[in-house]
């Protein structure tokens, strides 16, 4: 977020805290999304 307008327009995410290690949380949430979808799909079919 503290970067230039060009950088913010080019990215597909903006970190409002400007913390590069925030990617740990971003990756964790992405994995959560994939795992949640896979887990509930598995549950649904078995169900």
ModelCIF file with pLDDT and N, C-alpha, C, O atoms, coordinates in Angstrom:
data_MODEL
#
_entry.id   MODEL 
#
_entity.id                         1 
_entity.type                       polymer 
_entity.pdbx_number_of_molecules   1 
#
_entity_poly.entity_id                      1 
_entity_poly.type                           'polypeptide(L)' 
_entity_poly.nstd_linkage                   no 
_entity_poly.nstd_monomer                   no 
_entity_poly.pdbx_seq_one_letter_code       
;(UNK)(UNK)(UNK)(UNK)(UNK)(UNK)(UNK)(UNK)(UNK)(UNK)(UNK)(UNK)(UNK)(UNK)(UNK)(UNK)
(UNK)(UNK)(UNK)(UNK)(UNK)(UNK)(UNK)(UNK)(UNK)(UNK)(UNK)(UNK)(UNK)(UNK)(UNK)(UNK)
(UNK)(UNK)(UNK)(UNK)(UNK)(UNK)(UNK)(UNK)(UNK)(UNK)(UNK)(UNK)(UNK)(UNK)(UNK)
;
_entity_poly.pdbx_seq_one_letter_code_can   XXXXXXXXXXXXXXXXXXXXXXXXXXXXXXXXXXXXXXXXXXXXXXX 
_entity_poly.pdbx_strand_id                 A 
#
loop_
_entity_poly_seq.entity_id 
_entity_poly_seq.num 
_entity_poly_seq.mon_id 
_entity_poly_seq.hetero 
1 1  UNK n 
1 2  UNK n 
1 3  UNK n 
1 4  UNK n 
1 5  UNK n 
1 6  UNK n 
1 7  UNK n 
1 8  UNK n 
1 9  UNK n 
1 10 UNK n 
1 11 UNK n 
1 12 UNK n 
1 13 UNK n 
1 14 UNK n 
1 15 UNK n 
1 16 UNK n 
1 17 UNK n 
1 18 UNK n 
1 19 UNK n 
1 20 UNK n 
1 21 UNK n 
1 22 UNK n 
1 23 UNK n 
1 24 UNK n 
1 25 UNK n 
1 26 UNK n 
1 27 UNK n 
1 28 UNK n 
1 29 UNK n 
1 30 UNK n 
1 31 UNK n 
1 32 UNK n 
1 33 UNK n 
1 34 UNK n 
1 35 UNK n 
1 36 UNK n 
1 37 UNK n 
1 38 UNK n 
1 39 UNK n 
1 40 UNK n 
1 41 UNK n 
1 42 UNK n 
1 43 UNK n 
1 44 UNK n 
1 45 UNK n 
1 46 UNK n 
1 47 UNK n 
#
_struct_asym.id          A 
_struct_asym.entity_id   1 
#
loop_
_ma_qa_metric.id 
_ma_qa_metric.mode 
_ma_qa_metric.name 
_ma_qa_metric.software_group_id 
_ma_qa_metric.type 
1 global pLDDT . pLDDT 
2 local  pLDDT . pLDDT 
#
_ma_qa_metric_global.metric_id      1 
_ma_qa_metric_global.metric_value   81.13 
_ma_qa_metric_global.model_id       1 
_ma_qa_metric_global.ordinal_id     1 
#
loop_
_ma_qa_metric_local.label_asym_id 
_ma_qa_metric_local.label_comp_id 
_ma_qa_metric_local.label_seq_id 
_ma_qa_metric_local.metric_id 
_ma_qa_metric_local.metric_value 
_ma_qa_metric_local.model_id 
_ma_qa_metric_local.ordinal_id 
A UNK 1  2 74.00 1 1  
A UNK 2  2 68.00 1 2  
A UNK 3  2 70.00 1 3  
A UNK 4  2 70.00 1 4  
A UNK 5  2 70.00 1 5  
A UNK 6  2 73.00 1 6  
A UNK 7  2 78.00 1 7  
A UNK 8  2 77.00 1 8  
A UNK 9  2 79.00 1 9  
A UNK 10 2 82.00 1 10 
A UNK 11 2 83.00 1 11 
A UNK 12 2 85.00 1 12 
A UNK 13 2 87.00 1 13 
A UNK 14 2 84.00 1 14 
A UNK 15 2 84.00 1 15 
A UNK 16 2 77.00 1 16 
A UNK 17 2 76.00 1 17 
A UNK 18 2 74.00 1 18 
A UNK 19 2 75.00 1 19 
A UNK 20 2 69.00 1 20 
A UNK 21 2 68.00 1 21 
A UNK 22 2 77.00 1 22 
A UNK 23 2 76.00 1 23 
A UNK 24 2 76.00 1 24 
A UNK 25 2 81.00 1 25 
A UNK 26 2 86.00 1 26 
A UNK 27 2 84.00 1 27 
A UNK 28 2 82.00 1 28 
A UNK 29 2 86.00 1 29 
A UNK 30 2 86.00 1 30 
A UNK 31 2 85.00 1 31 
A UNK 32 2 84.00 1 32 
A UNK 33 2 86.00 1 33 
A UNK 34 2 85.00 1 34 
A UNK 35 2 86.00 1 35 
A UNK 36 2 88.00 1 36 
A UNK 37 2 87.00 1 37 
A UNK 38 2 86.00 1 38 
A UNK 39 2 88.00 1 39 
A UNK 40 2 89.00 1 40 
A UNK 41 2 88.00 1 41 
A UNK 42 2 88.00 1 42 
A UNK 43 2 90.00 1 43 
A UNK 44 2 88.00 1 44 
A UNK 45 2 86.00 1 45 
A UNK 46 2 87.00 1 46 
A UNK 47 2 85.00 1 47 
#
loop_
_atom_site.group_PDB 
_atom_site.id 
_atom_site.type_symbol 
_atom_site.label_atom_id 
_atom_site.label_alt_id 
_atom_site.label_comp_id 
_atom_site.label_asym_id 
_atom_site.label_entity_id 
_atom_site.label_seq_id 
_atom_site.pdbx_PDB_ins_code 
_atom_site.Cartn_x 
_atom_site.Cartn_y 
_atom_site.Cartn_z 
_atom_site.occupancy 
_atom_site.B_iso_or_equiv 
_atom_site.pdbx_formal_charge 
_atom_site.auth_seq_id 
_atom_site.auth_comp_id 
_atom_site.auth_asym_id 
_atom_site.auth_atom_id 
_atom_site.pdbx_PDB_model_num 
ATOM 1   N N  . UNK A 1 1  ? 0.820   -1.205  0.000   1.00 74.00 ? 1  UNK A N  1 
ATOM 2   C CA . UNK A 1 1  ? 0.000   0.000   0.000   1.00 74.00 ? 1  UNK A CA 1 
ATOM 3   C C  . UNK A 1 1  ? 0.854   1.256   0.000   1.00 74.00 ? 1  UNK A C  1 
ATOM 4   O O  . UNK A 1 1  ? 0.439   2.280   -0.541  1.00 74.00 ? 1  UNK A O  1 
ATOM 5   N N  . UNK A 1 2  ? 2.054   1.199   0.602   1.00 68.00 ? 2  UNK A N  1 
ATOM 6   C CA . UNK A 1 2  ? 2.924   2.372   0.653   1.00 68.00 ? 2  UNK A CA 1 
ATOM 7   C C  . UNK A 1 2  ? 3.656   2.591   -0.655  1.00 68.00 ? 2  UNK A C  1 
ATOM 8   O O  . UNK A 1 2  ? 4.398   3.564   -0.793  1.00 68.00 ? 2  UNK A O  1 
ATOM 9   N N  . UNK A 1 3  ? 3.462   1.701   -1.619  1.00 70.00 ? 3  UNK A N  1 
ATOM 10  C CA . UNK A 1 3  ? 4.179   1.804   -2.883  1.00 70.00 ? 3  UNK A CA 1 
ATOM 11  C C  . UNK A 1 3  ? 3.518   2.760   -3.855  1.00 70.00 ? 3  UNK A C  1 
ATOM 12  O O  . UNK A 1 3  ? 2.599   3.501   -3.504  1.00 70.00 ? 3  UNK A O  1 
ATOM 13  N N  . UNK A 1 4  ? 4.009   2.725   -5.092  1.00 70.00 ? 4  UNK A N  1 
ATOM 14  C CA . UNK A 1 4  ? 3.516   3.645   -6.109  1.00 70.00 ? 4  UNK A CA 1 
ATOM 15  C C  . UNK A 1 4  ? 2.180   3.180   -6.665  1.00 70.00 ? 4  UNK A C  1 
ATOM 16  O O  . UNK A 1 4  ? 1.784   2.025   -6.505  1.00 70.00 ? 4  UNK A O  1 
ATOM 17  N N  . UNK A 1 5  ? 1.497   4.110   -7.323  1.00 70.00 ? 5  UNK A N  1 
ATOM 18  C CA . UNK A 1 5  ? 0.212   3.802   -7.942  1.00 70.00 ? 5  UNK A CA 1 
ATOM 19  C C  . UNK A 1 5  ? 0.389   2.712   -9.002  1.00 70.00 ? 5  UNK A C  1 
ATOM 20  O O  . UNK A 1 5  ? -0.455  1.826   -9.135  1.00 70.00 ? 5  UNK A O  1 
ATOM 21  N N  . UNK A 1 6  ? 1.493   2.783   -9.755  1.00 73.00 ? 6  UNK A N  1 
ATOM 22  C CA . UNK A 1 6  ? 1.730   1.788   -10.802 1.00 73.00 ? 6  UNK A CA 1 
ATOM 23  C C  . UNK A 1 6  ? 1.833   0.384   -10.219 1.00 73.00 ? 6  UNK A C  1 
ATOM 24  O O  . UNK A 1 6  ? 1.300   -0.566  -10.793 1.00 73.00 ? 6  UNK A O  1 
ATOM 25  N N  . UNK A 1 7  ? 2.511   0.247   -9.088  1.00 78.00 ? 7  UNK A N  1 
ATOM 26  C CA . UNK A 1 7  ? 2.648   -1.066  -8.450  1.00 78.00 ? 7  UNK A CA 1 
ATOM 27  C C  . UNK A 1 7  ? 1.291   -1.569  -7.969  1.00 78.00 ? 7  UNK A C  1 
ATOM 28  O O  . UNK A 1 7  ? 0.975   -2.746  -8.146  1.00 78.00 ? 7  UNK A O  1 
ATOM 29  N N  . UNK A 1 8  ? 0.491   -0.708  -7.370  1.00 77.00 ? 8  UNK A N  1 
ATOM 30  C CA . UNK A 1 8  ? -0.822  -1.122  -6.856  1.00 77.00 ? 8  UNK A CA 1 
ATOM 31  C C  . UNK A 1 8  ? -1.771  -1.511  -7.977  1.00 77.00 ? 8  UNK A C  1 
ATOM 32  O O  . UNK A 1 8  ? -2.597  -2.410  -7.815  1.00 77.00 ? 8  UNK A O  1 
ATOM 33  N N  . UNK A 1 9  ? -1.651  -0.831  -9.121  1.00 79.00 ? 9  UNK A N  1 
ATOM 34  C CA . UNK A 1 9  ? -2.511  -1.172  -10.251 1.00 79.00 ? 9  UNK A CA 1 
ATOM 35  C C  . UNK A 1 9  ? -2.088  -2.490  -10.890 1.00 79.00 ? 9  UNK A C  1 
ATOM 36  O O  . UNK A 1 9  ? -2.929  -3.221  -11.413 1.00 79.00 ? 9  UNK A O  1 
ATOM 37  N N  . UNK A 1 10 ? -0.797  -2.800  -10.854 1.00 82.00 ? 10 UNK A N  1 
ATOM 38  C CA . UNK A 1 10 ? -0.290  -4.003  -11.521 1.00 82.00 ? 10 UNK A CA 1 
ATOM 39  C C  . UNK A 1 10 ? -0.579  -5.272  -10.726 1.00 82.00 ? 10 UNK A C  1 
ATOM 40  O O  . UNK A 1 10 ? -0.790  -6.329  -11.320 1.00 82.00 ? 10 UNK A O  1 
ATOM 41  N N  . UNK A 1 11 ? -0.594  -5.193  -9.403  1.00 83.00 ? 11 UNK A N  1 
ATOM 42  C CA . UNK A 1 11 ? -0.803  -6.390  -8.585  1.00 83.00 ? 11 UNK A CA 1 
ATOM 43  C C  . UNK A 1 11 ? -2.259  -6.811  -8.564  1.00 83.00 ? 11 UNK A C  1 
ATOM 44  O O  . UNK A 1 11 ? -3.155  -6.029  -8.882  1.00 83.00 ? 11 UNK A O  1 
ATOM 45  N N  . UNK A 1 12 ? -2.482  -8.082  -8.177  1.00 85.00 ? 12 UNK A N  1 
ATOM 46  C CA . UNK A 1 12 ? -3.868  -8.530  -7.996  1.00 85.00 ? 12 UNK A CA 1 
ATOM 47  C C  . UNK A 1 12 ? -4.235  -8.645  -6.522  1.00 85.00 ? 12 UNK A C  1 
ATOM 48  O O  . UNK A 1 12 ? -5.316  -9.124  -6.179  1.00 85.00 ? 12 UNK A O  1 
ATOM 49  N N  . UNK A 1 13 ? -3.325  -8.200  -5.649  1.00 87.00 ? 13 UNK A N  1 
ATOM 50  C CA . UNK A 1 13 ? -3.612  -8.028  -4.230  1.00 87.00 ? 13 UNK A CA 1 
ATOM 51  C C  . UNK A 1 13 ? -2.893  -6.782  -3.748  1.00 87.00 ? 13 UNK A C  1 
ATOM 52  O O  . UNK A 1 13 ? -1.847  -6.412  -4.280  1.00 87.00 ? 13 UNK A O  1 
ATOM 53  N N  . UNK A 1 14 ? -3.459  -6.136  -2.739  1.00 84.00 ? 14 UNK A N  1 
ATOM 54  C CA . UNK A 1 14 ? -2.806  -4.987  -2.106  1.00 84.00 ? 14 UNK A CA 1 
ATOM 55  C C  . UNK A 1 14 ? -2.749  -5.236  -0.614  1.00 84.00 ? 14 UNK A C  1 
ATOM 56  O O  . UNK A 1 14 ? -3.772  -5.482  0.026   1.00 84.00 ? 14 UNK A O  1 
ATOM 57  N N  . UNK A 1 15 ? -1.534  -5.169  -0.058  1.00 84.00 ? 15 UNK A N  1 
ATOM 58  C CA . UNK A 1 15 ? -1.352  -5.347  1.382   1.00 84.00 ? 15 UNK A CA 1 
ATOM 59  C C  . UNK A 1 15 ? -1.392  -3.976  2.039   1.00 84.00 ? 15 UNK A C  1 
ATOM 60  O O  . UNK A 1 15 ? -0.482  -3.168  1.855   1.00 84.00 ? 15 UNK A O  1 
ATOM 61  N N  . UNK A 1 16 ? -2.445  -3.714  2.804   1.00 77.00 ? 16 UNK A N  1 
ATOM 62  C CA . UNK A 1 16 ? -2.629  -2.398  3.412   1.00 77.00 ? 16 UNK A CA 1 
ATOM 63  C C  . UNK A 1 16 ? -1.631  -2.126  4.530   1.00 77.00 ? 16 UNK A C  1 
ATOM 64  O O  . UNK A 1 16 ? -1.441  -0.973  4.917   1.00 77.00 ? 16 UNK A O  1 
ATOM 65  N N  . UNK A 1 17 ? -0.987  -3.176  5.057   1.00 76.00 ? 17 UNK A N  1 
ATOM 66  C CA . UNK A 1 17 ? 0.013   -2.996  6.112   1.00 76.00 ? 17 UNK A CA 1 
ATOM 67  C C  . UNK A 1 17 ? 1.427   -2.921  5.561   1.00 76.00 ? 17 UNK A C  1 
ATOM 68  O O  . UNK A 1 17 ? 2.367   -2.646  6.307   1.00 76.00 ? 17 UNK A O  1 
ATOM 69  N N  . UNK A 1 18 ? 1.593   -3.166  4.248   1.00 74.00 ? 18 UNK A N  1 
ATOM 70  C CA . UNK A 1 18 ? 2.912   -3.137  3.602   1.00 74.00 ? 18 UNK A CA 1 
ATOM 71  C C  . UNK A 1 18 ? 3.908   -4.045  4.318   1.00 74.00 ? 18 UNK A C  1 
ATOM 72  O O  . UNK A 1 18 ? 5.041   -3.652  4.596   1.00 74.00 ? 18 UNK A O  1 
ATOM 73  N N  . UNK A 1 19 ? 3.469   -5.253  4.606   1.00 75.00 ? 19 UNK A N  1 
ATOM 74  C CA . UNK A 1 19 ? 4.298   -6.244  5.286   1.00 75.00 ? 19 UNK A CA 1 
ATOM 75  C C  . UNK A 1 19 ? 4.518   -7.419  4.340   1.00 75.00 ? 19 UNK A C  1 
ATOM 76  O O  . UNK A 1 19 ? 3.588   -8.189  4.103   1.00 75.00 ? 19 UNK A O  1 
ATOM 77  N N  . UNK A 1 20 ? 5.736   -7.582  3.787   1.00 69.00 ? 20 UNK A N  1 
ATOM 78  C CA . UNK A 1 20 ? 5.956   -8.630  2.793   1.00 69.00 ? 20 UNK A CA 1 
ATOM 79  C C  . UNK A 1 20 ? 5.729   -10.030 3.330   1.00 69.00 ? 20 UNK A C  1 
ATOM 80  O O  . UNK A 1 20 ? 5.331   -10.925 2.584   1.00 69.00 ? 20 UNK A O  1 
ATOM 81  N N  . UNK A 1 21 ? 5.977   -10.228 4.614   1.00 68.00 ? 21 UNK A N  1 
ATOM 82  C CA . UNK A 1 21 ? 5.793   -11.569 5.168   1.00 68.00 ? 21 UNK A CA 1 
ATOM 83  C C  . UNK A 1 21 ? 4.318   -11.882 5.374   1.00 68.00 ? 21 UNK A C  1 
ATOM 84  O O  . UNK A 1 21 ? 3.982   -12.980 5.818   1.00 68.00 ? 21 UNK A O  1 
ATOM 85  N N  . UNK A 1 22 ? 3.426   -10.934 5.061   1.00 77.00 ? 22 UNK A N  1 
ATOM 86  C CA . UNK A 1 22 ? 1.992   -11.199 5.106   1.00 77.00 ? 22 UNK A CA 1 
ATOM 87  C C  . UNK A 1 22 ? 1.636   -12.339 4.167   1.00 77.00 ? 22 UNK A C  1 
ATOM 88  O O  . UNK A 1 22 ? 0.564   -12.933 4.288   1.00 77.00 ? 22 UNK A O  1 
ATOM 89  N N  . UNK A 1 23 ? 2.548   -12.655 3.212   1.00 76.00 ? 23 UNK A N  1 
ATOM 90  C CA . UNK A 1 23 ? 2.257   -13.742 2.277   1.00 76.00 ? 23 UNK A CA 1 
ATOM 91  C C  . UNK A 1 23 ? 2.044   -15.057 3.018   1.00 76.00 ? 23 UNK A C  1 
ATOM 92  O O  . UNK A 1 23 ? 1.383   -15.954 2.496   1.00 76.00 ? 23 UNK A O  1 
ATOM 93  N N  . UNK A 1 24 ? 2.590   -15.188 4.221   1.00 76.00 ? 24 UNK A N  1 
ATOM 94  C CA . UNK A 1 24 ? 2.342   -16.397 5.012   1.00 76.00 ? 24 UNK A CA 1 
ATOM 95  C C  . UNK A 1 24 ? 0.847   -16.535 5.268   1.00 76.00 ? 24 UNK A C  1 
ATOM 96  O O  . UNK A 1 24 ? 0.274   -17.609 5.083   1.00 76.00 ? 24 UNK A O  1 
ATOM 97  N N  . UNK A 1 25 ? 0.212   -15.432 5.697   1.00 81.00 ? 25 UNK A N  1 
ATOM 98  C CA . UNK A 1 25 ? -1.230  -15.474 5.915   1.00 81.00 ? 25 UNK A CA 1 
ATOM 99  C C  . UNK A 1 25 ? -1.981  -15.647 4.600   1.00 81.00 ? 25 UNK A C  1 
ATOM 100 O O  . UNK A 1 25 ? -2.974  -16.371 4.536   1.00 81.00 ? 25 UNK A O  1 
ATOM 101 N N  . UNK A 1 26 ? -1.501  -14.977 3.548   1.00 86.00 ? 26 UNK A N  1 
ATOM 102 C CA . UNK A 1 26 ? -2.173  -15.078 2.248   1.00 86.00 ? 26 UNK A CA 1 
ATOM 103 C C  . UNK A 1 26 ? -2.146  -16.513 1.747   1.00 86.00 ? 26 UNK A C  1 
ATOM 104 O O  . UNK A 1 26 ? -3.165  -17.038 1.300   1.00 86.00 ? 26 UNK A O  1 
ATOM 105 N N  . UNK A 1 27 ? -0.976  -17.151 1.820   1.00 84.00 ? 27 UNK A N  1 
ATOM 106 C CA . UNK A 1 27 ? -0.855  -18.551 1.380   1.00 84.00 ? 27 UNK A CA 1 
ATOM 107 C C  . UNK A 1 27 ? -1.726  -19.450 2.247   1.00 84.00 ? 27 UNK A C  1 
ATOM 108 O O  . UNK A 1 27 ? -2.404  -20.345 1.743   1.00 84.00 ? 27 UNK A O  1 
ATOM 109 N N  . UNK A 1 28 ? -1.704  -19.204 3.563   1.00 82.00 ? 28 UNK A N  1 
ATOM 110 C CA . UNK A 1 28 ? -2.525  -20.021 4.458   1.00 82.00 ? 28 UNK A CA 1 
ATOM 111 C C  . UNK A 1 28 ? -4.006  -19.918 4.126   1.00 82.00 ? 28 UNK A C  1 
ATOM 112 O O  . UNK A 1 28 ? -4.725  -20.917 4.158   1.00 82.00 ? 28 UNK A O  1 
ATOM 113 N N  . UNK A 1 29 ? -4.465  -18.700 3.806   1.00 86.00 ? 29 UNK A N  1 
ATOM 114 C CA . UNK A 1 29 ? -5.874  -18.520 3.455   1.00 86.00 ? 29 UNK A CA 1 
ATOM 115 C C  . UNK A 1 29 ? -6.179  -19.174 2.119   1.00 86.00 ? 29 UNK A C  1 
ATOM 116 O O  . UNK A 1 29 ? -7.244  -19.767 1.949   1.00 86.00 ? 29 UNK A O  1 
ATOM 117 N N  . UNK A 1 30 ? -5.240  -19.072 1.152   1.00 86.00 ? 30 UNK A N  1 
ATOM 118 C CA . UNK A 1 30 ? -5.432  -19.742 -0.127  1.00 86.00 ? 30 UNK A CA 1 
ATOM 119 C C  . UNK A 1 30 ? -5.525  -21.248 0.028   1.00 86.00 ? 30 UNK A C  1 
ATOM 120 O O  . UNK A 1 30 ? -6.364  -21.900 -0.593  1.00 86.00 ? 30 UNK A O  1 
ATOM 121 N N  . UNK A 1 31 ? -4.648  -21.795 0.872   1.00 85.00 ? 31 UNK A N  1 
ATOM 122 C CA . UNK A 1 31 ? -4.699  -23.240 1.120   1.00 85.00 ? 31 UNK A CA 1 
ATOM 123 C C  . UNK A 1 31 ? -5.989  -23.617 1.860   1.00 85.00 ? 31 UNK A C  1 
ATOM 124 O O  . UNK A 1 31 ? -6.585  -24.664 1.604   1.00 85.00 ? 31 UNK A O  1 
ATOM 125 N N  . UNK A 1 32 ? -6.406  -22.740 2.783   1.00 84.00 ? 32 UNK A N  1 
ATOM 126 C CA . UNK A 1 32 ? -7.681  -22.968 3.472   1.00 84.00 ? 32 UNK A CA 1 
ATOM 127 C C  . UNK A 1 32 ? -8.832  -23.053 2.484   1.00 84.00 ? 32 UNK A C  1 
ATOM 128 O O  . UNK A 1 32 ? -9.694  -23.926 2.587   1.00 84.00 ? 32 UNK A O  1 
ATOM 129 N N  . UNK A 1 33 ? -8.834  -22.120 1.510   1.00 86.00 ? 33 UNK A N  1 
ATOM 130 C CA . UNK A 1 33 ? -9.911  -22.099 0.535   1.00 86.00 ? 33 UNK A CA 1 
ATOM 131 C C  . UNK A 1 33 ? -9.943  -23.404 -0.262  1.00 86.00 ? 33 UNK A C  1 
ATOM 132 O O  . UNK A 1 33 ? -10.995 -24.020 -0.430  1.00 86.00 ? 33 UNK A O  1 
ATOM 133 N N  . UNK A 1 34 ? -8.757  -23.816 -0.752  1.00 85.00 ? 34 UNK A N  1 
ATOM 134 C CA . UNK A 1 34 ? -8.696  -25.045 -1.546  1.00 85.00 ? 34 UNK A CA 1 
ATOM 135 C C  . UNK A 1 34 ? -9.068  -26.262 -0.713  1.00 85.00 ? 34 UNK A C  1 
ATOM 136 O O  . UNK A 1 34 ? -9.805  -27.137 -1.169  1.00 85.00 ? 34 UNK A O  1 
ATOM 137 N N  . UNK A 1 35 ? -8.549  -26.313 0.523   1.00 86.00 ? 35 UNK A N  1 
ATOM 138 C CA . UNK A 1 35 ? -8.838  -27.456 1.386   1.00 86.00 ? 35 UNK A CA 1 
ATOM 139 C C  . UNK A 1 35 ? -10.305 -27.487 1.801   1.00 86.00 ? 35 UNK A C  1 
ATOM 140 O O  . UNK A 1 35 ? -10.909 -28.556 1.890   1.00 86.00 ? 35 UNK A O  1 
ATOM 141 N N  . UNK A 1 36 ? -10.878 -26.302 2.056   1.00 88.00 ? 36 UNK A N  1 
ATOM 142 C CA . UNK A 1 36 ? -12.284 -26.253 2.452   1.00 88.00 ? 36 UNK A CA 1 
ATOM 143 C C  . UNK A 1 36 ? -13.168 -26.762 1.327   1.00 88.00 ? 36 UNK A C  1 
ATOM 144 O O  . UNK A 1 36 ? -14.084 -27.554 1.551   1.00 88.00 ? 36 UNK A O  1 
ATOM 145 N N  . UNK A 1 37 ? -12.886 -26.302 0.118   1.00 87.00 ? 37 UNK A N  1 
ATOM 146 C CA . UNK A 1 37 ? -13.677 -26.749 -1.022  1.00 87.00 ? 37 UNK A CA 1 
ATOM 147 C C  . UNK A 1 37 ? -13.527 -28.253 -1.231  1.00 87.00 ? 37 UNK A C  1 
ATOM 148 O O  . UNK A 1 37 ? -14.509 -28.960 -1.456  1.00 87.00 ? 37 UNK A O  1 
ATOM 149 N N  . UNK A 1 38 ? -12.272 -28.738 -1.155  1.00 86.00 ? 38 UNK A N  1 
ATOM 150 C CA . UNK A 1 38 ? -12.045 -30.174 -1.332  1.00 86.00 ? 38 UNK A CA 1 
ATOM 151 C C  . UNK A 1 38 ? -12.672 -31.006 -0.229  1.00 86.00 ? 38 UNK A C  1 
ATOM 152 O O  . UNK A 1 38 ? -13.264 -32.053 -0.489  1.00 86.00 ? 38 UNK A O  1 
ATOM 153 N N  . UNK A 1 39 ? -12.538 -30.529 1.021   1.00 88.00 ? 39 UNK A N  1 
ATOM 154 C CA . UNK A 1 39 ? -13.072 -31.285 2.159   1.00 88.00 ? 39 UNK A CA 1 
ATOM 155 C C  . UNK A 1 39 ? -14.596 -31.371 2.100   1.00 88.00 ? 39 UNK A C  1 
ATOM 156 O O  . UNK A 1 39 ? -15.169 -32.439 2.314   1.00 88.00 ? 39 UNK A O  1 
ATOM 157 N N  . UNK A 1 40 ? -15.253 -30.238 1.806   1.00 89.00 ? 40 UNK A N  1 
ATOM 158 C CA . UNK A 1 40 ? -16.714 -30.253 1.770   1.00 89.00 ? 40 UNK A CA 1 
ATOM 159 C C  . UNK A 1 40 ? -17.245 -30.975 0.539   1.00 89.00 ? 40 UNK A C  1 
ATOM 160 O O  . UNK A 1 40 ? -18.338 -31.540 0.577   1.00 89.00 ? 40 UNK A O  1 
ATOM 161 N N  . UNK A 1 41 ? -16.481 -30.961 -0.557  1.00 88.00 ? 41 UNK A N  1 
ATOM 162 C CA . UNK A 1 41 ? -16.878 -31.767 -1.717  1.00 88.00 ? 41 UNK A CA 1 
ATOM 163 C C  . UNK A 1 41 ? -16.800 -33.252 -1.369  1.00 88.00 ? 41 UNK A C  1 
ATOM 164 O O  . UNK A 1 41 ? -17.699 -34.023 -1.704  1.00 88.00 ? 41 UNK A O  1 
ATOM 165 N N  . UNK A 1 42 ? -15.719 -33.646 -0.693  1.00 88.00 ? 42 UNK A N  1 
ATOM 166 C CA . UNK A 1 42 ? -15.579 -35.037 -0.247  1.00 88.00 ? 42 UNK A CA 1 
ATOM 167 C C  . UNK A 1 42 ? -16.722 -35.423 0.685   1.00 88.00 ? 42 UNK A C  1 
ATOM 168 O O  . UNK A 1 42 ? -17.319 -36.491 0.550   1.00 88.00 ? 42 UNK A O  1 
ATOM 169 N N  . UNK A 1 43 ? -17.015 -34.534 1.634   1.00 90.00 ? 43 UNK A N  1 
ATOM 170 C CA . UNK A 1 43 ? -18.114 -34.792 2.571   1.00 90.00 ? 43 UNK A CA 1 
ATOM 171 C C  . UNK A 1 43 ? -19.436 -34.925 1.825   1.00 90.00 ? 43 UNK A C  1 
ATOM 172 O O  . UNK A 1 43 ? -20.230 -35.818 2.121   1.00 90.00 ? 43 UNK A O  1 
ATOM 173 N N  . UNK A 1 44 ? -19.675 -34.042 0.859   1.00 88.00 ? 44 UNK A N  1 
ATOM 174 C CA . UNK A 1 44 ? -20.936 -34.041 0.129   1.00 88.00 ? 44 UNK A CA 1 
ATOM 175 C C  . UNK A 1 44 ? -21.143 -35.340 -0.638  1.00 88.00 ? 44 UNK A C  1 
ATOM 176 O O  . UNK A 1 44 ? -22.225 -35.925 -0.603  1.00 88.00 ? 44 UNK A O  1 
ATOM 177 N N  . UNK A 1 45 ? -20.092 -35.791 -1.337  1.00 86.00 ? 45 UNK A N  1 
ATOM 178 C CA . UNK A 1 45 ? -20.215 -37.022 -2.126  1.00 86.00 ? 45 UNK A CA 1 
ATOM 179 C C  . UNK A 1 45 ? -20.418 -38.225 -1.211  1.00 86.00 ? 45 UNK A C  1 
ATOM 180 O O  . UNK A 1 45 ? -21.276 -39.071 -1.462  1.00 86.00 ? 45 UNK A O  1 
ATOM 181 N N  . UNK A 1 46 ? -19.611 -38.292 -0.135  1.00 87.00 ? 46 UNK A N  1 
ATOM 182 C CA . UNK A 1 46 ? -19.769 -39.400 0.815   1.00 87.00 ? 46 UNK A CA 1 
ATOM 183 C C  . UNK A 1 46 ? -21.143 -39.353 1.480   1.00 87.00 ? 46 UNK A C  1 
ATOM 184 O O  . UNK A 1 46 ? -21.766 -40.387 1.722   1.00 87.00 ? 46 UNK A O  1 
ATOM 185 N N  . UNK A 1 47 ? -21.599 -38.150 1.767   1.00 85.00 ? 47 UNK A N  1 
ATOM 186 C CA . UNK A 1 47 ? -22.895 -37.931 2.379   1.00 85.00 ? 47 UNK A CA 1 
ATOM 187 C C  . UNK A 1 47 ? -24.025 -38.453 1.476   1.00 85.00 ? 47 UNK A C  1 
ATOM 188 O O  . UNK A 1 47 ? -25.198 -38.352 1.835   1.00 85.00 ? 47 UNK A O  1 
#
